[in-house]
Amino acid sequence: MPVHIKVPETGHSQIHFTSGNISLSQFSTHTLTSVQNTSAIVSINAQRDHNGNINYPSALYFCNYNRATQIIKTSGGSWDIEDGGADHVLYTSGANVIFKNRAATTTIFHFTVLAFSGV
């Protein structure tokens, strides 16, 4: 997992990292530990849709410690912040961000995180 740390003059740091490819079957989860402390933008890219077709669905989320997760934009598939009927779900627990593949197919996911820490 590549990690790039930049420290601007203000003393706050932004940490950017990518996960590599992670294969998740139906109802499997992947936890990004402590990424939303204090906030983060999380991009998720999938290889296959819920029917198993290659069409690269993706989503962009904003996560903030002790606040509701927000979906910024999605493309293809169904994405949500609560574990209901959507194909893919991203929710939070403390400083952790948890992703769940609810689609009825195993596929490869890639996570990119821009974490904002400081204050």
PDB file of N, CA and C in Angstrom:
ATOM      1  N   MET A   1       0.844  -1.165   0.000  1.00  0.00           N
ATOM      2  CA  MET A   1       0.000   0.000   0.000  1.00  0.00           C
ATOM      3  C   MET A   1       0.896   1.236   0.000  1.00  0.00           C
ATOM      4  N   PRO A   2       0.914   2.024  -1.116  1.00  0.00           N
ATOM      5  CA  PRO A   2       1.725   3.234  -1.143  1.00  0.00           C
ATOM      6  C   PRO A   2       1.156   4.294  -0.201  1.00  0.00           C
ATOM      7  N   VAL A   3       2.021   4.980   0.507  1.00  0.00           N
ATOM      8  CA  VAL A   3       1.598   6.061   1.393  1.00  0.00           C
ATOM      9  C   VAL A   3       2.404   7.301   1.044  1.00  0.00           C
ATOM     10  N   HIS A   4       1.696   8.422   0.864  1.00  0.00           N
ATOM     11  CA  HIS A   4       2.336   9.689   0.550  1.00  0.00           C
ATOM     12  C   HIS A   4       1.931  10.686   1.622  1.00  0.00           C
ATOM     13  N   ILE A   5       2.884  11.258   2.323  1.00  0.00           N
ATOM     14  CA  ILE A   5       2.575  12.212   3.382  1.00  0.00           C
ATOM     15  C   ILE A   5       3.087  13.586   2.965  1.00  0.00           C
ATOM     16  N   LYS A   6       2.200  14.569   3.045  1.00  0.00           N
ATOM     17  CA  LYS A   6       2.566  15.948   2.734  1.00  0.00           C
ATOM     18  C   LYS A   6       2.275  16.793   3.966  1.00  0.00           C
ATOM     19  N   VAL A   7       3.215  17.614   4.366  1.00  0.00           N
ATOM     20  CA  VAL A   7       3.017  18.463   5.538  1.00  0.00           C
ATOM     21  C   VAL A   7       3.112  19.924   5.101  1.00  0.00           C
ATOM     22  N   PRO A   8       1.967  20.598   4.976  1.00  0.00           N
ATOM     23  CA  PRO A   8       1.984  22.007   4.597  1.00  0.00           C
ATOM     24  C   PRO A   8       2.437  22.889   5.753  1.00  0.00           C
ATOM     25  N   GLU A   9       2.600  24.160   5.478  1.00  0.00           N
ATOM     26  CA  GLU A   9       3.098  25.106   6.472  1.00  0.00           C
ATOM     27  C   GLU A   9       2.199  25.211   7.700  1.00  0.00           C
ATOM     28  N   THR A  10       0.926  24.897   7.569  1.00  0.00           N
ATOM     29  CA  THR A  10       0.011  25.031   8.698  1.00  0.00           C
ATOM     30  C   THR A  10       0.272  23.993   9.787  1.00  0.00           C
ATOM     31  N   GLY A  11       1.008  22.941   9.464  1.00  0.00           N
ATOM     32  CA  GLY A  11       1.274  21.897  10.441  1.00  0.00           C
ATOM     33  C   GLY A  11       0.307  20.731  10.356  1.00  0.00           C
ATOM     34  N   HIS A  12      -0.779  20.868   9.600  1.00  0.00           N
ATOM     35  CA  HIS A  12      -1.702  19.750   9.399  1.00  0.00           C
ATOM     36  C   HIS A  12      -1.142  18.834   8.328  1.00  0.00           C
ATOM     37  N   SER A  13      -1.528  17.591   8.360  1.00  0.00           N
ATOM     38  CA  SER A  13      -1.027  16.658   7.349  1.00  0.00           C
ATOM     39  C   SER A  13      -2.184  16.020   6.602  1.00  0.00           C
ATOM     40  N   GLN A  14      -1.947  15.739   5.348  1.00  0.00           N
ATOM     41  CA  GLN A  14      -2.892  14.997   4.532  1.00  0.00           C
ATOM     42  C   GLN A  14      -2.198  13.700   4.149  1.00  0.00           C
ATOM     43  N   ILE A  15      -2.892  12.601   4.285  1.00  0.00           N
ATOM     44  CA  ILE A  15      -2.316  11.305   3.989  1.00  0.00           C
ATOM     45  C   ILE A  15      -3.142  10.663   2.887  1.00  0.00           C
ATOM     46  N   HIS A  16      -2.476  10.270   1.831  1.00  0.00           N
ATOM     47  CA  HIS A  16      -3.146   9.650   0.694  1.00  0.00           C
ATOM     48  C   HIS A  16      -2.649   8.223   0.577  1.00  0.00           C
ATOM     49  N   PHE A  17      -3.567   7.272   0.458  1.00  0.00           N
ATOM     50  CA  PHE A  17      -3.116   5.901   0.233  1.00  0.00           C
ATOM     51  C   PHE A  17      -4.107   5.135  -0.615  1.00  0.00           C
ATOM     52  N   THR A  18      -3.607   4.102  -1.260  1.00  0.00           N
ATOM     53  CA  THR A  18      -4.439   3.220  -2.053  1.00  0.00           C
ATOM     54  C   THR A  18      -4.280   1.808  -1.527  1.00  0.00           C
ATOM     55  N   SER A  19      -5.282   0.981  -1.744  1.00  0.00           N
ATOM     56  CA  SER A  19      -5.313  -0.340  -1.136  1.00  0.00           C
ATOM     57  C   SER A  19      -4.736  -1.443  -2.003  1.00  0.00           C
ATOM     58  N   GLY A  20      -4.589  -1.212  -3.280  1.00  0.00           N
ATOM     59  CA  GLY A  20      -4.332  -2.332  -4.176  1.00  0.00           C
ATOM     60  C   GLY A  20      -5.657  -3.019  -4.453  1.00  0.00           C
ATOM     61  N   ASN A  21      -5.630  -4.125  -5.135  1.00  0.00           N
ATOM     62  CA  ASN A  21      -6.869  -4.830  -5.476  1.00  0.00           C
ATOM     63  C   ASN A  21      -7.236  -5.827  -4.390  1.00  0.00           C
ATOM     64  N   ILE A  22      -8.507  -5.789  -3.966  1.00  0.00           N
ATOM     65  CA  ILE A  22      -9.007  -6.657  -2.905  1.00  0.00           C
ATOM     66  C   ILE A  22     -10.239  -7.384  -3.426  1.00  0.00           C
ATOM     67  N   SER A  23     -10.215  -8.710  -3.414  1.00  0.00           N
ATOM     68  CA  SER A  23     -11.345  -9.511  -3.863  1.00  0.00           C
ATOM     69  C   SER A  23     -12.298  -9.751  -2.694  1.00  0.00           C
ATOM     70  N   LEU A  24     -13.585  -9.409  -2.902  1.00  0.00           N
ATOM     71  CA  LEU A  24     -14.593  -9.596  -1.863  1.00  0.00           C
ATOM     72  C   LEU A  24     -15.788 -10.356  -2.418  1.00  0.00           C
ATOM     73  N   SER A  25     -16.185 -11.407  -1.722  1.00  0.00           N
ATOM     74  CA  SER A  25     -17.375 -12.160  -2.097  1.00  0.00           C
ATOM     75  C   SER A  25     -18.609 -11.482  -1.496  1.00  0.00           C
ATOM     76  N   GLN A  26     -19.787 -12.018  -1.802  1.00  0.00           N
ATOM     77  CA  GLN A  26     -21.031 -11.449  -1.286  1.00  0.00           C
ATOM     78  C   GLN A  26     -21.023 -11.434   0.242  1.00  0.00           C
ATOM     79  N   PHE A  27     -21.417 -10.326   0.814  1.00  0.00           N
ATOM     80  CA  PHE A  27     -21.512 -10.054   2.254  1.00  0.00           C
ATOM     81  C   PHE A  27     -20.154  -9.966   2.956  1.00  0.00           C
ATOM     82  N   SER A  28     -19.051  -9.955   2.207  1.00  0.00           N
ATOM     83  CA  SER A  28     -17.736  -9.763   2.810  1.00  0.00           C
ATOM     84  C   SER A  28     -17.515  -8.281   3.089  1.00  0.00           C
ATOM     85  N   THR A  29     -16.715  -7.997   4.112  1.00  0.00           N
ATOM     86  CA  THR A  29     -16.410  -6.610   4.460  1.00  0.00           C
ATOM     87  C   THR A  29     -14.902  -6.372   4.403  1.00  0.00           C
ATOM     88  N   HIS A  30     -14.561  -5.104   4.258  1.00  0.00           N
ATOM     89  CA  HIS A  30     -13.165  -4.664   4.303  1.00  0.00           C
ATOM     90  C   HIS A  30     -13.131  -3.396   5.148  1.00  0.00           C
ATOM     91  N   THR A  31     -12.270  -3.375   6.179  1.00  0.00           N
ATOM     92  CA  THR A  31     -12.186  -2.224   7.082  1.00  0.00           C
ATOM     93  C   THR A  31     -10.953  -1.395   6.767  1.00  0.00           C
ATOM     94  N   LEU A  32     -11.166  -0.091   6.619  1.00  0.00           N
ATOM     95  CA  LEU A  32     -10.085   0.883   6.491  1.00  0.00           C
ATOM     96  C   LEU A  32      -9.927   1.487   7.881  1.00  0.00           C
ATOM     97  N   THR A  33      -8.901   1.079   8.583  1.00  0.00           N
ATOM     98  CA  THR A  33      -8.737   1.416   9.994  1.00  0.00           C
ATOM     99  C   THR A  33      -8.296   2.864  10.195  1.00  0.00           C
ATOM    100  N   SER A  34      -9.035   3.579  11.032  1.00  0.00           N
ATOM    101  CA  SER A  34      -8.726   4.945  11.475  1.00  0.00           C
ATOM    102  C   SER A  34      -8.587   5.964  10.360  1.00  0.00           C
ATOM    103  N   VAL A  35      -9.238   5.763   9.214  1.00  0.00           N
ATOM    104  CA  VAL A  35      -9.065   6.718   8.118  1.00  0.00           C
ATOM    105  C   VAL A  35      -9.901   7.976   8.264  1.00  0.00           C
ATOM    106  N   GLN A  36     -10.933   7.962   9.076  1.00  0.00           N
ATOM    107  CA  GLN A  36     -11.760   9.168   9.174  1.00  0.00           C
ATOM    108  C   GLN A  36     -11.491   9.930  10.464  1.00  0.00           C
ATOM    109  N   ASN A  37     -10.268   9.895  10.898  1.00  0.00           N
ATOM    110  CA  ASN A  37      -9.897  10.646  12.087  1.00  0.00           C
ATOM    111  C   ASN A  37      -8.961  11.776  11.653  1.00  0.00           C
ATOM    112  N   THR A  38      -9.435  12.901  11.247  1.00  0.00           N
ATOM    113  CA  THR A  38     -10.725  13.485  11.555  1.00  0.00           C
ATOM    114  C   THR A  38     -11.728  13.424  10.406  1.00  0.00           C
ATOM    115  N   SER A  39     -11.265  13.406   9.158  1.00  0.00           N
ATOM    116  CA  SER A  39     -12.170  13.248   8.030  1.00  0.00           C
ATOM    117  C   SER A  39     -11.409  12.651   6.850  1.00  0.00           C
ATOM    118  N   ALA A  40     -12.163  12.144   5.861  1.00  0.00           N
ATOM    119  CA  ALA A  40     -11.522  11.523   4.704  1.00  0.00           C
ATOM    120  C   ALA A  40     -12.465  11.507   3.511  1.00  0.00           C
ATOM    121  N   ILE A  41     -11.882  11.521   2.345  1.00  0.00           N
ATOM    122  CA  ILE A  41     -12.606  11.264   1.106  1.00  0.00           C
ATOM    123  C   ILE A  41     -12.184   9.871   0.665  1.00  0.00           C
ATOM    124  N   VAL A  42     -13.167   8.996   0.434  1.00  0.00           N
ATOM    125  CA  VAL A  42     -12.895   7.607   0.075  1.00  0.00           C
ATOM    126  C   VAL A  42     -13.476   7.326  -1.306  1.00  0.00           C
ATOM    127  N   SER A  43     -12.618   6.872  -2.211  1.00  0.00           N
ATOM    128  CA  SER A  43     -13.042   6.469  -3.545  1.00  0.00           C
ATOM    129  C   SER A  43     -12.995   4.949  -3.621  1.00  0.00           C
ATOM    130  N   ILE A  44     -14.081   4.348  -4.134  1.00  0.00           N
ATOM    131  CA  ILE A  44     -14.148   2.896  -4.269  1.00  0.00           C
ATOM    132  C   ILE A  44     -14.446   2.573  -5.727  1.00  0.00           C
ATOM    133  N   ASN A  45     -13.629   1.719  -6.299  1.00  0.00           N
ATOM    134  CA  ASN A  45     -13.840   1.268  -7.666  1.00  0.00           C
ATOM    135  C   ASN A  45     -13.989  -0.238  -7.662  1.00  0.00           C
ATOM    136  N   ALA A  46     -14.999  -0.727  -8.371  1.00  0.00           N
ATOM    137  CA  ALA A  46     -15.237  -2.165  -8.479  1.00  0.00           C
ATOM    138  C   ALA A  46     -14.984  -2.601  -9.923  1.00  0.00           C
ATOM    139  N   GLN A  47     -14.655  -3.871 -10.084  1.00  0.00           N
ATOM    140  CA  GLN A  47     -14.443  -4.389 -11.429  1.00  0.00           C
ATOM    141  C   GLN A  47     -15.759  -4.812 -12.070  1.00  0.00           C
ATOM    142  N   ARG A  48     -16.637  -5.467 -11.282  1.00  0.00           N
ATOM    143  CA  ARG A  48     -17.870  -6.037 -11.830  1.00  0.00           C
ATOM    144  C   ARG A  48     -19.102  -5.457 -11.135  1.00  0.00           C
ATOM    145  N   ASP A  49     -20.217  -5.440 -11.869  1.00  0.00           N
ATOM    146  CA  ASP A  49     -21.479  -5.013 -11.273  1.00  0.00           C
ATOM    147  C   ASP A  49     -22.160  -6.197 -10.590  1.00  0.00           C
ATOM    148  N   HIS A  50     -23.358  -6.003 -10.068  1.00  0.00           N
ATOM    149  CA  HIS A  50     -24.059  -7.045  -9.318  1.00  0.00           C
ATOM    150  C   HIS A  50     -24.431  -8.262 -10.169  1.00  0.00           C
ATOM    151  N   ASN A  51     -24.402  -8.126 -11.496  1.00  0.00           N
ATOM    152  CA  ASN A  51     -24.686  -9.251 -12.382  1.00  0.00           C
ATOM    153  C   ASN A  51     -23.417  -9.991 -12.808  1.00  0.00           C
ATOM    154  N   GLY A  52     -22.258  -9.515 -12.363  1.00  0.00           N
ATOM    155  CA  GLY A  52     -20.999 -10.143 -12.733  1.00  0.00           C
ATOM    156  C   GLY A  52     -20.395  -9.591 -14.012  1.00  0.00           C
ATOM    157  N   ASN A  53     -21.021  -8.569 -14.598  1.00  0.00           N
ATOM    158  CA  ASN A  53     -20.502  -7.959 -15.826  1.00  0.00           C
ATOM    159  C   ASN A  53     -19.404  -6.957 -15.505  1.00  0.00           C
ATOM    160  N   ILE A  54     -18.362  -6.922 -16.316  1.00  0.00           N
ATOM    161  CA  ILE A  54     -17.296  -5.944 -16.136  1.00  0.00           C
ATOM    162  C   ILE A  54     -17.786  -4.606 -16.673  1.00  0.00           C
ATOM    163  N   ASN A  55     -17.989  -3.632 -15.775  1.00  0.00           N
ATOM    164  CA  ASN A  55     -18.371  -2.277 -16.205  1.00  0.00           C
ATOM    165  C   ASN A  55     -17.876  -1.209 -15.240  1.00  0.00           C
ATOM    166  N   TYR A  56     -17.066  -1.577 -14.262  1.00  0.00           N
ATOM    167  CA  TYR A  56     -16.358  -0.653 -13.368  1.00  0.00           C
ATOM    168  C   TYR A  56     -17.246   0.361 -12.640  1.00  0.00           C
ATOM    169  N   PRO A  57     -18.206  -0.084 -11.832  1.00  0.00           N
ATOM    170  CA  PRO A  57     -18.971   0.854 -11.007  1.00  0.00           C
ATOM    171  C   PRO A  57     -18.053   1.494  -9.954  1.00  0.00           C
ATOM    172  N   SER A  58     -18.389   2.710  -9.542  1.00  0.00           N
ATOM    173  CA  SER A  58     -17.537   3.404  -8.574  1.00  0.00           C
ATOM    174  C   SER A  58     -18.364   4.369  -7.732  1.00  0.00           C
ATOM    175  N   ALA A  59     -17.760   4.796  -6.612  1.00  0.00           N
ATOM    176  CA  ALA A  59     -18.424   5.758  -5.726  1.00  0.00           C
ATOM    177  C   ALA A  59     -17.383   6.596  -4.999  1.00  0.00           C
ATOM    178  N   LEU A  60     -17.808   7.785  -4.619  1.00  0.00           N
ATOM    179  CA  LEU A  60     -16.968   8.708  -3.864  1.00  0.00           C
ATOM    180  C   LEU A  60     -17.743   9.122  -2.611  1.00  0.00           C
ATOM    181  N   TYR A  61     -17.133   8.924  -1.441  1.00  0.00           N
ATOM    182  CA  TYR A  61     -17.767   9.207  -0.150  1.00  0.00           C
ATOM    183  C   TYR A  61     -16.968  10.243   0.635  1.00  0.00           C
ATOM    184  N   PHE A  62     -17.669  11.014   1.477  1.00  0.00           N
ATOM    185  CA  PHE A  62     -17.012  11.872   2.452  1.00  0.00           C
ATOM    186  C   PHE A  62     -17.345  11.333   3.838  1.00  0.00           C
ATOM    187  N   CYS A  63     -16.314  11.046   4.623  1.00  0.00           N
ATOM    188  CA  CYS A  63     -16.483  10.500   5.973  1.00  0.00           C
ATOM    189  C   CYS A  63     -15.891  11.483   6.967  1.00  0.00           C
ATOM    190  N   ASN A  64     -16.590  11.696   8.071  1.00  0.00           N
ATOM    191  CA  ASN A  64     -16.139  12.636   9.078  1.00  0.00           C
ATOM    192  C   ASN A  64     -16.388  12.035  10.450  1.00  0.00           C
ATOM    193  N   TYR A  65     -15.383  12.067  11.307  1.00  0.00           N
ATOM    194  CA  TYR A  65     -15.478  11.439  12.626  1.00  0.00           C
ATOM    195  C   TYR A  65     -16.708  11.928  13.385  1.00  0.00           C
ATOM    196  N   ASN A  66     -17.506  10.987  13.861  1.00  0.00           N
ATOM    197  CA  ASN A  66     -18.683  11.269  14.682  1.00  0.00           C
ATOM    198  C   ASN A  66     -19.786  12.013  13.927  1.00  0.00           C
ATOM    199  N   ARG A  67     -19.780  11.908  12.592  1.00  0.00           N
ATOM    200  CA  ARG A  67     -20.795  12.535  11.764  1.00  0.00           C
ATOM    201  C   ARG A  67     -21.306  11.508  10.756  1.00  0.00           C
ATOM    202  N   ALA A  68     -22.420  11.798  10.127  1.00  0.00           N
ATOM    203  CA  ALA A  68     -22.982  10.900   9.116  1.00  0.00           C
ATOM    204  C   ALA A  68     -22.115  10.896   7.856  1.00  0.00           C
ATOM    205  N   THR A  69     -21.880   9.713   7.305  1.00  0.00           N
ATOM    206  CA  THR A  69     -21.155   9.568   6.052  1.00  0.00           C
ATOM    207  C   THR A  69     -22.033  10.089   4.917  1.00  0.00           C
ATOM    208  N   GLN A  70     -21.406  10.733   3.930  1.00  0.00           N
ATOM    209  CA  GLN A  70     -22.155  11.298   2.814  1.00  0.00           C
ATOM    210  C   GLN A  70     -21.654  10.709   1.501  1.00  0.00           C
ATOM    211  N   ILE A  71     -22.569  10.427   0.592  1.00  0.00           N
ATOM    212  CA  ILE A  71     -22.199   9.999  -0.749  1.00  0.00           C
ATOM    213  C   ILE A  71     -22.043  11.246  -1.609  1.00  0.00           C
ATOM    214  N   ILE A  72     -20.870  11.407  -2.202  1.00  0.00           N
ATOM    215  CA  ILE A  72     -20.632  12.555  -3.076  1.00  0.00           C
ATOM    216  C   ILE A  72     -21.131  12.252  -4.482  1.00  0.00           C
ATOM    217  N   LYS A  73     -20.734  11.094  -5.022  1.00  0.00           N
ATOM    218  CA  LYS A  73     -21.101  10.743  -6.398  1.00  0.00           C
ATOM    219  C   LYS A  73     -20.965   9.242  -6.588  1.00  0.00           C
ATOM    220  N   THR A  74     -21.868   8.653  -7.372  1.00  0.00           N
ATOM    221  CA  THR A  74     -21.767   7.241  -7.732  1.00  0.00           C
ATOM    222  C   THR A  74     -21.914   7.094  -9.240  1.00  0.00           C
ATOM    223  N   SER A  75     -21.390   5.996  -9.755  1.00  0.00           N
ATOM    224  CA  SER A  75     -21.491   5.705 -11.171  1.00  0.00           C
ATOM    225  C   SER A  75     -21.633   4.196 -11.335  1.00  0.00           C
ATOM    226  N   GLY A  76     -22.796   3.738 -11.780  1.00  0.00           N
ATOM    227  CA  GLY A  76     -23.034   2.311 -11.951  1.00  0.00           C
ATOM    228  C   GLY A  76     -23.267   1.627 -10.611  1.00  0.00           C
ATOM    229  N   GLY A  77     -24.043   0.579 -10.597  1.00  0.00           N
ATOM    230  CA  GLY A  77     -24.322  -0.144  -9.358  1.00  0.00           C
ATOM    231  C   GLY A  77     -25.166   0.675  -8.410  1.00  0.00           C
ATOM    232  N   SER A  78     -25.477   0.112  -7.268  1.00  0.00           N
ATOM    233  CA  SER A  78     -26.207   0.855  -6.239  1.00  0.00           C
ATOM    234  C   SER A  78     -25.323   0.926  -5.002  1.00  0.00           C
ATOM    235  N   TRP A  79     -25.183   2.124  -4.456  1.00  0.00           N
ATOM    236  CA  TRP A  79     -24.281   2.414  -3.347  1.00  0.00           C
ATOM    237  C   TRP A  79     -25.083   3.060  -2.236  1.00  0.00           C
ATOM    238  N   ASP A  80     -24.692   2.803  -0.978  1.00  0.00           N
ATOM    239  CA  ASP A  80     -25.444   3.368   0.135  1.00  0.00           C
ATOM    240  C   ASP A  80     -24.513   3.562   1.334  1.00  0.00           C
ATOM    241  N   ILE A  81     -25.078   4.173   2.392  1.00  0.00           N
ATOM    242  CA  ILE A  81     -24.341   4.367   3.646  1.00  0.00           C
ATOM    243  C   ILE A  81     -24.946   3.549   4.776  1.00  0.00           C
ATOM    244  N   GLU A  82     -26.015   2.802   4.467  1.00  0.00           N
ATOM    245  CA  GLU A  82     -26.649   1.928   5.455  1.00  0.00           C
ATOM    246  C   GLU A  82     -26.804   0.548   4.846  1.00  0.00           C
ATOM    247  N   ASP A  83     -26.692  -0.476   5.664  1.00  0.00           N
ATOM    248  CA  ASP A  83     -26.742  -1.854   5.194  1.00  0.00           C
ATOM    249  C   ASP A  83     -28.183  -2.263   4.921  1.00  0.00           C
ATOM    250  N   GLY A  84     -28.644  -1.945   3.719  1.00  0.00           N
ATOM    251  CA  GLY A  84     -30.023  -2.253   3.330  1.00  0.00           C
ATOM    252  C   GLY A  84     -30.022  -3.052   2.042  1.00  0.00           C
ATOM    253  N   GLY A  85     -30.629  -2.499   0.999  1.00  0.00           N
ATOM    254  CA  GLY A  85     -30.762  -3.232  -0.246  1.00  0.00           C
ATOM    255  C   GLY A  85     -29.739  -2.904  -1.319  1.00  0.00           C
ATOM    256  N   ALA A  86     -28.801  -2.003  -1.061  1.00  0.00           N
ATOM    257  CA  ALA A  86     -27.828  -1.607  -2.079  1.00  0.00           C
ATOM    258  C   ALA A  86     -26.786  -2.703  -2.316  1.00  0.00           C
ATOM    259  N   ASP A  87     -26.177  -2.672  -3.516  1.00  0.00           N
ATOM    260  CA  ASP A  87     -25.116  -3.629  -3.853  1.00  0.00           C
ATOM    261  C   ASP A  87     -23.873  -3.430  -3.003  1.00  0.00           C
ATOM    262  N   HIS A  88     -23.550  -2.174  -2.726  1.00  0.00           N
ATOM    263  CA  HIS A  88     -22.322  -1.838  -2.015  1.00  0.00           C
ATOM    264  C   HIS A  88     -22.634  -0.818  -0.923  1.00  0.00           C
ATOM    265  N   VAL A  89     -22.045  -1.011   0.248  1.00  0.00           N
ATOM    266  CA  VAL A  89     -22.336  -0.154   1.393  1.00  0.00           C
ATOM    267  C   VAL A  89     -21.030   0.291   2.035  1.00  0.00           C
ATOM    268  N   LEU A  90     -20.931   1.570   2.362  1.00  0.00           N
ATOM    269  CA  LEU A  90     -19.799   2.078   3.124  1.00  0.00           C
ATOM    270  C   LEU A  90     -20.370   2.760   4.351  1.00  0.00           C
ATOM    271  N   TYR A  91     -19.953   2.311   5.526  1.00  0.00           N
ATOM    272  CA  TYR A  91     -20.443   2.914   6.761  1.00  0.00           C
ATOM    273  C   TYR A  91     -19.273   3.080   7.724  1.00  0.00           C
ATOM    274  N   THR A  92     -19.514   3.755   8.820  1.00  0.00           N
ATOM    275  CA  THR A  92     -18.426   4.080   9.742  1.00  0.00           C
ATOM    276  C   THR A  92     -18.698   3.506  11.119  1.00  0.00           C
ATOM    277  N   SER A  93     -17.605   3.303  11.831  1.00  0.00           N
ATOM    278  CA  SER A  93     -17.658   2.864  13.223  1.00  0.00           C
ATOM    279  C   SER A  93     -16.468   3.497  13.930  1.00  0.00           C
ATOM    280  N   GLY A  94     -16.748   4.527  14.727  1.00  0.00           N
ATOM    281  CA  GLY A  94     -15.645   5.272  15.349  1.00  0.00           C
ATOM    282  C   GLY A  94     -14.826   5.950  14.272  1.00  0.00           C
ATOM    283  N   ALA A  95     -13.523   5.723  14.261  1.00  0.00           N
ATOM    284  CA  ALA A  95     -12.653   6.304  13.243  1.00  0.00           C
ATOM    285  C   ALA A  95     -12.482   5.391  12.037  1.00  0.00           C
ATOM    286  N   ASN A  96     -13.075   4.191  12.088  1.00  0.00           N
ATOM    287  CA  ASN A  96     -12.945   3.225  11.003  1.00  0.00           C
ATOM    288  C   ASN A  96     -14.020   3.421   9.943  1.00  0.00           C
ATOM    289  N   VAL A  97     -13.667   3.091   8.718  1.00  0.00           N
ATOM    290  CA  VAL A  97     -14.602   3.070   7.608  1.00  0.00           C
ATOM    291  C   VAL A  97     -14.712   1.614   7.171  1.00  0.00           C
ATOM    292  N   ILE A  98     -15.937   1.111   7.052  1.00  0.00           N
ATOM    293  CA  ILE A  98     -16.158  -0.297   6.734  1.00  0.00           C
ATOM    294  C   ILE A  98     -16.937  -0.386   5.425  1.00  0.00           C
ATOM    295  N   PHE A  99     -16.417  -1.178   4.507  1.00  0.00           N
ATOM    296  CA  PHE A  99     -17.076  -1.391   3.221  1.00  0.00           C
ATOM    297  C   PHE A  99     -17.625  -2.805   3.184  1.00  0.00           C
ATOM    298  N   LYS A 100     -18.858  -2.952   2.655  1.00  0.00           N
ATOM    299  CA  LYS A 100     -19.481  -4.273   2.543  1.00  0.00           C
ATOM    300  C   LYS A 100     -19.967  -4.491   1.117  1.00  0.00           C
ATOM    301  N   ASN A 101     -19.567  -5.624   0.540  1.00  0.00           N
ATOM    302  CA  ASN A 101     -20.040  -6.015  -0.778  1.00  0.00           C
ATOM    303  C   ASN A 101     -21.303  -6.854  -0.600  1.00  0.00           C
ATOM    304  N   ARG A 102     -22.447  -6.293  -0.950  1.00  0.00           N
ATOM    305  CA  ARG A 102     -23.708  -7.029  -0.828  1.00  0.00           C
ATOM    306  C   ARG A 102     -24.126  -7.632  -2.171  1.00  0.00           C
ATOM    307  N   ALA A 103     -23.395  -7.325  -3.236  1.00  0.00           N
ATOM    308  CA  ALA A 103     -23.739  -7.852  -4.558  1.00  0.00           C
ATOM    309  C   ALA A 103     -23.595  -9.370  -4.559  1.00  0.00           C
ATOM    310  N   ALA A 104     -24.382 -10.021  -5.388  1.00  0.00           N
ATOM    311  CA  ALA A 104     -24.408 -11.482  -5.426  1.00  0.00           C
ATOM    312  C   ALA A 104     -23.268 -12.068  -6.250  1.00  0.00           C
ATOM    313  N   THR A 105     -22.191 -11.330  -6.363  1.00  0.00           N
ATOM    314  CA  THR A 105     -21.041 -11.812  -7.120  1.00  0.00           C
ATOM    315  C   THR A 105     -19.750 -11.397  -6.430  1.00  0.00           C
ATOM    316  N   THR A 106     -18.723 -12.202  -6.569  1.00  0.00           N
ATOM    317  CA  THR A 106     -17.399 -11.844  -6.070  1.00  0.00           C
ATOM    318  C   THR A 106     -16.750 -10.927  -7.083  1.00  0.00           C
ATOM    319  N   THR A 107     -16.160  -9.847  -6.617  1.00  0.00           N
ATOM    320  CA  THR A 107     -15.466  -8.942  -7.525  1.00  0.00           C
ATOM    321  C   THR A 107     -14.270  -8.313  -6.831  1.00  0.00           C
ATOM    322  N   ILE A 108     -13.472  -7.636  -7.618  1.00  0.00           N
ATOM    323  CA  ILE A 108     -12.276  -6.964  -7.117  1.00  0.00           C
ATOM    324  C   ILE A 108     -12.621  -5.491  -6.874  1.00  0.00           C
ATOM    325  N   PHE A 109     -12.178  -4.978  -5.724  1.00  0.00           N
ATOM    326  CA  PHE A 109     -12.374  -3.577  -5.368  1.00  0.00           C
ATOM    327  C   PHE A 109     -11.025  -2.914  -5.160  1.00  0.00           C
ATOM    328  N   HIS A 110     -11.011  -1.612  -5.381  1.00  0.00           N
ATOM    329  CA  HIS A 110      -9.821  -0.805  -5.127  1.00  0.00           C
ATOM    330  C   HIS A 110     -10.261   0.421  -4.338  1.00  0.00           C
ATOM    331  N   PHE A 111      -9.571   0.710  -3.247  1.00  0.00           N
ATOM    332  CA  PHE A 111      -9.911   1.835  -2.373  1.00  0.00           C
ATOM    333  C   PHE A 111      -8.795   2.873  -2.436  1.00  0.00           C
ATOM    334  N   THR A 112      -9.171   4.133  -2.610  1.00  0.00           N
ATOM    335  CA  THR A 112      -8.224   5.243  -2.525  1.00  0.00           C
ATOM    336  C   THR A 112      -8.751   6.195  -1.466  1.00  0.00           C
ATOM    337  N   VAL A 113      -7.885   6.614  -0.560  1.00  0.00           N
ATOM    338  CA  VAL A 113      -8.308   7.455   0.567  1.00  0.00           C
ATOM    339  C   VAL A 113      -7.438   8.700   0.619  1.00  0.00           C
ATOM    340  N   LEU A 114      -8.091   9.835   0.764  1.00  0.00           N
ATOM    341  CA  LEU A 114      -7.413  11.077   1.095  1.00  0.00           C
ATOM    342  C   LEU A 114      -7.872  11.425   2.492  1.00  0.00           C
ATOM    343  N   ALA A 115      -7.016  11.181   3.474  1.00  0.00           N
ATOM    344  CA  ALA A 115      -7.363  11.385   4.885  1.00  0.00           C
ATOM    345  C   ALA A 115      -6.847  12.744   5.339  1.00  0.00           C
ATOM    346  N   PHE A 116      -7.694  13.492   6.035  1.00  0.00           N
ATOM    347  CA  PHE A 116      -7.338  14.806   6.546  1.00  0.00           C
ATOM    348  C   PHE A 116      -7.189  14.678   8.063  1.00  0.00           C
ATOM    349  N   SER A 117      -6.006  14.888   8.551  1.00  0.00           N
ATOM    350  CA  SER A 117      -5.791  14.790   9.990  1.00  0.00           C
ATOM    351  C   SER A 117      -5.267  16.119  10.508  1.00  0.00           C
ATOM    352  N   GLY A 118      -5.248  16.243  11.795  1.00  0.00           N
ATOM    353  CA  GLY A 118      -4.779  17.481  12.396  1.00  0.00           C
ATOM    354  C   GLY A 118      -5.817  18.059  13.329  1.00  0.00           C
ATOM    355  N   VAL A 119      -5.754  19.309  13.574  1.00  0.00           N
ATOM    356  CA  VAL A 119      -6.566  20.090  14.501  1.00  0.00           C
ATOM    357  C   VAL A 119      -6.661  19.495  15.867  1.00  0.00           C
TER     358      VAL A 119
END
